[in-house]
Structure formats: structure tokens, C-alpha cells
Amino acid sequence: MHDFLFAFLGGTLLGLSAVGYLHVNGRIAGVSSLIAQVLNLQTIFKTPALWFYWACLWCYFLWHCATAKY
């Protein structure tokens, strides 16, 4: 595949995760506020920001495994 297609699909996955965050929480997924929520040790496991980042990383690894050339 071409590099621009990979970039497009990666952006689509990121966009879908941001729209999902907006739909579930009613807030825009701003990177600085998400990082602030994750760095707050009192509420780190109660905030959906941690799971949002986890899902982004999980999608990256799934994509990498699916498109790897062995």
C-alpha cells in the first residue's frame, strides 16, 4: 500500500476515537486536558482519559501487526 493510505487510515482511527470520546463523555478530547487527567494520581483509574490513551495505543499495535511484512 502507499504511505498516504496508511496515514489516512491512521488519521481515521484517531478521528473515530476522538468522536467516540466526545460521544461518551460530552467533552472534546484535548490532549493537554487528557494528559492532566492521567497525571492526577488521585483519579488516574477513574478518568476515561486513561482508557482513551490505552485504546489509541492498542489500535496502533493492532495496526502495526496487521500491516507488518514478515
PDB file of N, CA and C in Angstrom:
ATOM      1  N   MET A   1       0.843  -1.187   0.000  1.00  0.00           N
ATOM      2  CA  MET A   1       0.000   0.000   0.000  1.00  0.00           C
ATOM      3  C   MET A   1       0.882   1.242   0.000  1.00  0.00           C
ATOM      4  N   HIS A   2       0.272   2.326  -0.332  1.00  0.00           N
ATOM      5  CA  HIS A   2       1.004   3.582  -0.365  1.00  0.00           C
ATOM      6  C   HIS A   2       1.018   4.233   1.019  1.00  0.00           C
ATOM      7  N   ASP A   3       2.025   5.047   1.254  1.00  0.00           N
ATOM      8  CA  ASP A   3       2.165   5.699   2.554  1.00  0.00           C
ATOM      9  C   ASP A   3       0.998   6.610   2.878  1.00  0.00           C
ATOM     10  N   PHE A   4       0.461   7.288   1.849  1.00  0.00           N
ATOM     11  CA  PHE A   4      -0.651   8.196   2.130  1.00  0.00           C
ATOM     12  C   PHE A   4      -1.889   7.435   2.566  1.00  0.00           C
ATOM     13  N   LEU A   5      -2.040   6.215   2.101  1.00  0.00           N
ATOM     14  CA  LEU A   5      -3.190   5.410   2.525  1.00  0.00           C
ATOM     15  C   LEU A   5      -3.044   5.007   3.990  1.00  0.00           C
ATOM     16  N   PHE A   6      -1.838   4.646   4.412  1.00  0.00           N
ATOM     17  CA  PHE A   6      -1.603   4.336   5.824  1.00  0.00           C
ATOM     18  C   PHE A   6      -1.867   5.565   6.701  1.00  0.00           C
ATOM     19  N   ALA A   7      -1.411   6.720   6.242  1.00  0.00           N
ATOM     20  CA  ALA A   7      -1.633   7.951   7.004  1.00  0.00           C
ATOM     21  C   ALA A   7      -3.124   8.262   7.100  1.00  0.00           C
ATOM     22  N   PHE A   8      -3.847   8.061   6.007  1.00  0.00           N
ATOM     23  CA  PHE A   8      -5.284   8.312   6.002  1.00  0.00           C
ATOM     24  C   PHE A   8      -6.006   7.372   6.961  1.00  0.00           C
ATOM     25  N   LEU A   9      -5.660   6.097   6.929  1.00  0.00           N
ATOM     26  CA  LEU A   9      -6.317   5.135   7.807  1.00  0.00           C
ATOM     27  C   LEU A   9      -5.964   5.382   9.277  1.00  0.00           C
ATOM     28  N   GLY A  10      -4.721   5.768   9.546  1.00  0.00           N
ATOM     29  CA  GLY A  10      -4.337   6.105  10.919  1.00  0.00           C
ATOM     30  C   GLY A  10      -5.079   7.326  11.428  1.00  0.00           C
ATOM     31  N   GLY A  11      -5.211   8.337  10.584  1.00  0.00           N
ATOM     32  CA  GLY A  11      -5.977   9.526  10.963  1.00  0.00           C
ATOM     33  C   GLY A  11      -7.445   9.209  11.178  1.00  0.00           C
ATOM     34  N   THR A  12      -7.966   8.290  10.375  1.00  0.00           N
ATOM     35  CA  THR A  12      -9.360   7.877  10.541  1.00  0.00           C
ATOM     36  C   THR A  12      -9.563   7.188  11.885  1.00  0.00           C
ATOM     37  N   LEU A  13      -8.638   6.311  12.258  1.00  0.00           N
ATOM     38  CA  LEU A  13      -8.742   5.646  13.566  1.00  0.00           C
ATOM     39  C   LEU A  13      -8.670   6.652  14.709  1.00  0.00           C
ATOM     40  N   LEU A  14      -7.767   7.601  14.584  1.00  0.00           N
ATOM     41  CA  LEU A  14      -7.638   8.621  15.631  1.00  0.00           C
ATOM     42  C   LEU A  14      -8.893   9.492  15.691  1.00  0.00           C
ATOM     43  N   GLY A  15      -9.424   9.844  14.530  1.00  0.00           N
ATOM     44  CA  GLY A  15     -10.648  10.639  14.491  1.00  0.00           C
ATOM     45  C   GLY A  15     -11.834   9.897  15.092  1.00  0.00           C
ATOM     46  N   LEU A  16     -11.941   8.612  14.786  1.00  0.00           N
ATOM     47  CA  LEU A  16     -13.029   7.819  15.363  1.00  0.00           C
ATOM     48  C   LEU A  16     -12.906   7.720  16.877  1.00  0.00           C
ATOM     49  N   SER A  17     -11.692   7.597  17.374  1.00  0.00           N
ATOM     50  CA  SER A  17     -11.535   7.533  18.829  1.00  0.00           C
ATOM     51  C   SER A  17     -11.883   8.873  19.472  1.00  0.00           C
ATOM     52  N   ALA A  18     -11.548   9.980  18.822  1.00  0.00           N
ATOM     53  CA  ALA A  18     -11.899  11.300  19.370  1.00  0.00           C
ATOM     54  C   ALA A  18     -13.406  11.518  19.341  1.00  0.00           C
ATOM     55  N   VAL A  19     -14.072  11.091  18.282  1.00  0.00           N
ATOM     56  CA  VAL A  19     -15.531  11.217  18.205  1.00  0.00           C
ATOM     57  C   VAL A  19     -16.196  10.324  19.246  1.00  0.00           C
ATOM     58  N   GLY A  20     -15.644   9.131  19.446  1.00  0.00           N
ATOM     59  CA  GLY A  20     -16.172   8.241  20.484  1.00  0.00           C
ATOM     60  C   GLY A  20     -16.033   8.844  21.867  1.00  0.00           C
ATOM     61  N   TYR A  21     -14.902   9.491  22.133  1.00  0.00           N
ATOM     62  CA  TYR A  21     -14.700  10.156  23.427  1.00  0.00           C
ATOM     63  C   TYR A  21     -15.716  11.279  23.608  1.00  0.00           C
ATOM     64  N   LEU A  22     -15.949  12.049  22.545  1.00  0.00           N
ATOM     65  CA  LEU A  22     -16.933  13.127  22.608  1.00  0.00           C
ATOM     66  C   LEU A  22     -18.334  12.571  22.846  1.00  0.00           C
ATOM     67  N   HIS A  23     -18.665  11.495  22.181  1.00  0.00           N
ATOM     68  CA  HIS A  23     -20.000  10.903  22.318  1.00  0.00           C
ATOM     69  C   HIS A  23     -20.227  10.341  23.726  1.00  0.00           C
ATOM     70  N   VAL A  24     -19.226   9.673  24.274  1.00  0.00           N
ATOM     71  CA  VAL A  24     -19.379   9.036  25.585  1.00  0.00           C
ATOM     72  C   VAL A  24     -19.339  10.054  26.716  1.00  0.00           C
ATOM     73  N   ASN A  25     -18.424  11.034  26.632  1.00  0.00           N
ATOM     74  CA  ASN A  25     -18.200  11.945  27.749  1.00  0.00           C
ATOM     75  C   ASN A  25     -18.761  13.342  27.551  1.00  0.00           C
ATOM     76  N   GLY A  26     -19.131  13.684  26.330  1.00  0.00           N
ATOM     77  CA  GLY A  26     -19.660  15.018  26.070  1.00  0.00           C
ATOM     78  C   GLY A  26     -18.597  16.100  26.120  1.00  0.00           C
ATOM     79  N   ARG A  27     -17.339  15.710  26.015  1.00  0.00           N
ATOM     80  CA  ARG A  27     -16.228  16.660  26.051  1.00  0.00           C
ATOM     81  C   ARG A  27     -15.314  16.404  24.861  1.00  0.00           C
ATOM     82  N   ILE A  28     -14.675  17.452  24.398  1.00  0.00           N
ATOM     83  CA  ILE A  28     -13.715  17.322  23.316  1.00  0.00           C
ATOM     84  C   ILE A  28     -12.420  16.757  23.885  1.00  0.00           C
ATOM     85  N   ALA A  29     -11.800  15.865  23.147  1.00  0.00           N
ATOM     86  CA  ALA A  29     -10.575  15.201  23.603  1.00  0.00           C
ATOM     87  C   ALA A  29      -9.369  16.094  23.341  1.00  0.00           C
ATOM     88  N   GLY A  30      -9.161  17.078  24.194  1.00  0.00           N
ATOM     89  CA  GLY A  30      -7.977  17.922  24.092  1.00  0.00           C
ATOM     90  C   GLY A  30      -6.792  17.220  24.722  1.00  0.00           C
ATOM     91  N   VAL A  31      -5.673  17.230  24.046  1.00  0.00           N
ATOM     92  CA  VAL A  31      -4.522  16.461  24.505  1.00  0.00           C
ATOM     93  C   VAL A  31      -4.031  16.948  25.862  1.00  0.00           C
ATOM     94  N   SER A  32      -3.952  18.242  26.065  1.00  0.00           N
ATOM     95  CA  SER A  32      -3.424  18.746  27.336  1.00  0.00           C
ATOM     96  C   SER A  32      -4.343  18.403  28.505  1.00  0.00           C
ATOM     97  N   SER A  33      -5.641  18.479  28.311  1.00  0.00           N
ATOM     98  CA  SER A  33      -6.545  18.131  29.415  1.00  0.00           C
ATOM     99  C   SER A  33      -6.548  16.627  29.671  1.00  0.00           C
ATOM    100  N   LEU A  34      -6.391  15.823  28.631  1.00  0.00           N
ATOM    101  CA  LEU A  34      -6.322  14.376  28.832  1.00  0.00           C
ATOM    102  C   LEU A  34      -5.060  13.987  29.596  1.00  0.00           C
ATOM    103  N   ILE A  35      -3.939  14.619  29.249  1.00  0.00           N
ATOM    104  CA  ILE A  35      -2.696  14.336  29.965  1.00  0.00           C
ATOM    105  C   ILE A  35      -2.816  14.770  31.425  1.00  0.00           C
ATOM    106  N   ALA A  36      -3.440  15.910  31.669  1.00  0.00           N
ATOM    107  CA  ALA A  36      -3.628  16.379  33.042  1.00  0.00           C
ATOM    108  C   ALA A  36      -4.490  15.401  33.841  1.00  0.00           C
ATOM    109  N   GLN A  37      -5.502  14.834  33.215  1.00  0.00           N
ATOM    110  CA  GLN A  37      -6.342  13.857  33.909  1.00  0.00           C
ATOM    111  C   GLN A  37      -5.568  12.585  34.232  1.00  0.00           C
ATOM    112  N   VAL A  38      -4.711  12.155  33.324  1.00  0.00           N
ATOM    113  CA  VAL A  38      -3.940  10.937  33.542  1.00  0.00           C
ATOM    114  C   VAL A  38      -2.863  11.151  34.609  1.00  0.00           C
ATOM    115  N   LEU A  39      -2.291  12.342  34.656  1.00  0.00           N
ATOM    116  CA  LEU A  39      -1.227  12.612  35.624  1.00  0.00           C
ATOM    117  C   LEU A  39      -1.742  12.877  37.039  1.00  0.00           C
ATOM    118  N   ASN A  40      -3.029  13.075  37.203  1.00  0.00           N
ATOM    119  CA  ASN A  40      -3.612  13.259  38.525  1.00  0.00           C
ATOM    120  C   ASN A  40      -3.713  11.888  39.205  1.00  0.00           C
ATOM    121  N   LEU A  41      -2.841  11.638  40.175  1.00  0.00           N
ATOM    122  CA  LEU A  41      -2.754  10.311  40.785  1.00  0.00           C
ATOM    123  C   LEU A  41      -3.977   9.927  41.612  1.00  0.00           C
ATOM    124  N   GLN A  42      -4.768  10.900  42.037  1.00  0.00           N
ATOM    125  CA  GLN A  42      -5.945  10.589  42.857  1.00  0.00           C
ATOM    126  C   GLN A  42      -7.068   9.996  42.014  1.00  0.00           C
ATOM    127  N   THR A  43      -7.136  10.370  40.744  1.00  0.00           N
ATOM    128  CA  THR A  43      -8.251   9.905  39.906  1.00  0.00           C
ATOM    129  C   THR A  43      -7.773   9.196  38.647  1.00  0.00           C
ATOM    130  N   ILE A  44      -6.560   8.668  38.665  1.00  0.00           N
ATOM    131  CA  ILE A  44      -5.992   8.116  37.433  1.00  0.00           C
ATOM    132  C   ILE A  44      -6.818   6.943  36.887  1.00  0.00           C
ATOM    133  N   PHE A  45      -7.349   6.085  37.740  1.00  0.00           N
ATOM    134  CA  PHE A  45      -8.105   4.941  37.251  1.00  0.00           C
ATOM    135  C   PHE A  45      -9.590   5.223  37.111  1.00  0.00           C
ATOM    136  N   LYS A  46     -10.031   6.394  37.540  1.00  0.00           N
ATOM    137  CA  LYS A  46     -11.437   6.767  37.415  1.00  0.00           C
ATOM    138  C   LYS A  46     -11.710   7.588  36.156  1.00  0.00           C
ATOM    139  N   THR A  47     -10.682   8.137  35.548  1.00  0.00           N
ATOM    140  CA  THR A  47     -10.864   9.005  34.399  1.00  0.00           C
ATOM    141  C   THR A  47     -10.903   8.199  33.107  1.00  0.00           C
ATOM    142  N   PRO A  48     -11.759   8.576  32.179  1.00  0.00           N
ATOM    143  CA  PRO A  48     -11.786   7.880  30.890  1.00  0.00           C
ATOM    144  C   PRO A  48     -10.589   8.225  30.014  1.00  0.00           C
ATOM    145  N   ALA A  49      -9.820   9.232  30.386  1.00  0.00           N
ATOM    146  CA  ALA A  49      -8.665   9.625  29.583  1.00  0.00           C
ATOM    147  C   ALA A  49      -7.630   8.502  29.519  1.00  0.00           C
ATOM    148  N   LEU A  50      -7.445   7.792  30.612  1.00  0.00           N
ATOM    149  CA  LEU A  50      -6.504   6.679  30.630  1.00  0.00           C
ATOM    150  C   LEU A  50      -6.921   5.609  29.628  1.00  0.00           C
ATOM    151  N   TRP A  51      -8.190   5.299  29.597  1.00  0.00           N
ATOM    152  CA  TRP A  51      -8.692   4.278  28.673  1.00  0.00           C
ATOM    153  C   TRP A  51      -8.652   4.769  27.231  1.00  0.00           C
ATOM    154  N   PHE A  52      -8.825   6.074  27.025  1.00  0.00           N
ATOM    155  CA  PHE A  52      -8.708   6.650  25.689  1.00  0.00           C
ATOM    156  C   PHE A  52      -7.283   6.467  25.170  1.00  0.00           C
ATOM    157  N   TYR A  53      -6.289   6.792  25.992  1.00  0.00           N
ATOM    158  CA  TYR A  53      -4.895   6.606  25.588  1.00  0.00           C
ATOM    159  C   TYR A  53      -4.574   5.131  25.387  1.00  0.00           C
ATOM    160  N   TRP A  54      -5.095   4.283  26.252  1.00  0.00           N
ATOM    161  CA  TRP A  54      -4.860   2.860  26.112  1.00  0.00           C
ATOM    162  C   TRP A  54      -5.431   2.354  24.789  1.00  0.00           C
ATOM    163  N   ALA A  55      -6.620   2.804  24.426  1.00  0.00           N
ATOM    164  CA  ALA A  55      -7.237   2.380  23.170  1.00  0.00           C
ATOM    165  C   ALA A  55      -6.447   2.891  21.961  1.00  0.00           C
ATOM    166  N   CYS A  56      -5.923   4.105  22.051  1.00  0.00           N
ATOM    167  CA  CYS A  56      -5.098   4.632  20.952  1.00  0.00           C
ATOM    168  C   CYS A  56      -3.844   3.782  20.767  1.00  0.00           C
ATOM    169  N   LEU A  57      -3.191   3.431  21.867  1.00  0.00           N
ATOM    170  CA  LEU A  57      -2.003   2.585  21.776  1.00  0.00           C
ATOM    171  C   LEU A  57      -2.351   1.189  21.280  1.00  0.00           C
ATOM    172  N   TRP A  58      -3.453   0.646  21.751  1.00  0.00           N
ATOM    173  CA  TRP A  58      -3.891  -0.681  21.336  1.00  0.00           C
ATOM    174  C   TRP A  58      -4.173  -0.706  19.839  1.00  0.00           C
ATOM    175  N   CYS A  59      -4.836   0.329  19.325  1.00  0.00           N
ATOM    176  CA  CYS A  59      -5.113   0.402  17.886  1.00  0.00           C
ATOM    177  C   CYS A  59      -3.820   0.510  17.090  1.00  0.00           C
ATOM    178  N   TYR A  60      -2.849   1.237  17.615  1.00  0.00           N
ATOM    179  CA  TYR A  60      -1.567   1.345  16.931  1.00  0.00           C
ATOM    180  C   TYR A  60      -0.903  -0.021  16.809  1.00  0.00           C
ATOM    181  N   PHE A  61      -0.855  -0.765  17.903  1.00  0.00           N
ATOM    182  CA  PHE A  61      -0.213  -2.076  17.860  1.00  0.00           C
ATOM    183  C   PHE A  61      -0.991  -3.058  16.983  1.00  0.00           C
ATOM    184  N   LEU A  62      -2.302  -3.003  17.017  1.00  0.00           N
ATOM    185  CA  LEU A  62      -3.094  -3.852  16.130  1.00  0.00           C
ATOM    186  C   LEU A  62      -2.823  -3.518  14.673  1.00  0.00           C
ATOM    187  N   TRP A  63      -2.772  -2.232  14.369  1.00  0.00           N
ATOM    188  CA  TRP A  63      -2.492  -1.799  13.003  1.00  0.00           C
ATOM    189  C   TRP A  63      -1.098  -2.224  12.579  1.00  0.00           C
ATOM    190  N   HIS A  64      -0.141  -2.072  13.456  1.00  0.00           N
ATOM    191  CA  HIS A  64       1.231  -2.451  13.147  1.00  0.00           C
ATOM    192  C   HIS A  64       1.329  -3.958  12.884  1.00  0.00           C
ATOM    193  N   CYS A  65       0.664  -4.753  13.697  1.00  0.00           N
ATOM    194  CA  CYS A  65       0.695  -6.207  13.496  1.00  0.00           C
ATOM    195  C   CYS A  65      -0.036  -6.610  12.222  1.00  0.00           C
ATOM    196  N   ALA A  66      -1.116  -5.915  11.904  1.00  0.00           N
ATOM    197  CA  ALA A  66      -1.895  -6.262  10.711  1.00  0.00           C
ATOM    198  C   ALA A  66      -1.168  -5.899   9.424  1.00  0.00           C
ATOM    199  N   THR A  67      -0.330  -4.886   9.461  1.00  0.00           N
ATOM    200  CA  THR A  67       0.326  -4.430   8.241  1.00  0.00           C
ATOM    201  C   THR A  67       1.801  -4.783   8.189  1.00  0.00           C
ATOM    202  N   ALA A  68       2.291  -5.558   9.149  1.00  0.00           N
ATOM    203  CA  ALA A  68       3.711  -5.925   9.185  1.00  0.00           C
ATOM    204  C   ALA A  68       4.041  -6.851   8.026  1.00  0.00           C
ATOM    205  N   LYS A  69       5.223  -6.667   7.483  1.00  0.00           N
ATOM    206  CA  LYS A  69       5.703  -7.510   6.400  1.00  0.00           C
ATOM    207  C   LYS A  69       6.754  -8.457   6.968  1.00  0.00           C
ATOM    208  N   TYR A  70       6.448  -9.697   6.982  1.00  0.00           N
ATOM    209  CA  TYR A  70       7.360 -10.685   7.570  1.00  0.00           C
ATOM    210  C   TYR A  70       8.233 -11.294   6.504  1.00  0.00           C
TER     211      TYR A  70
END
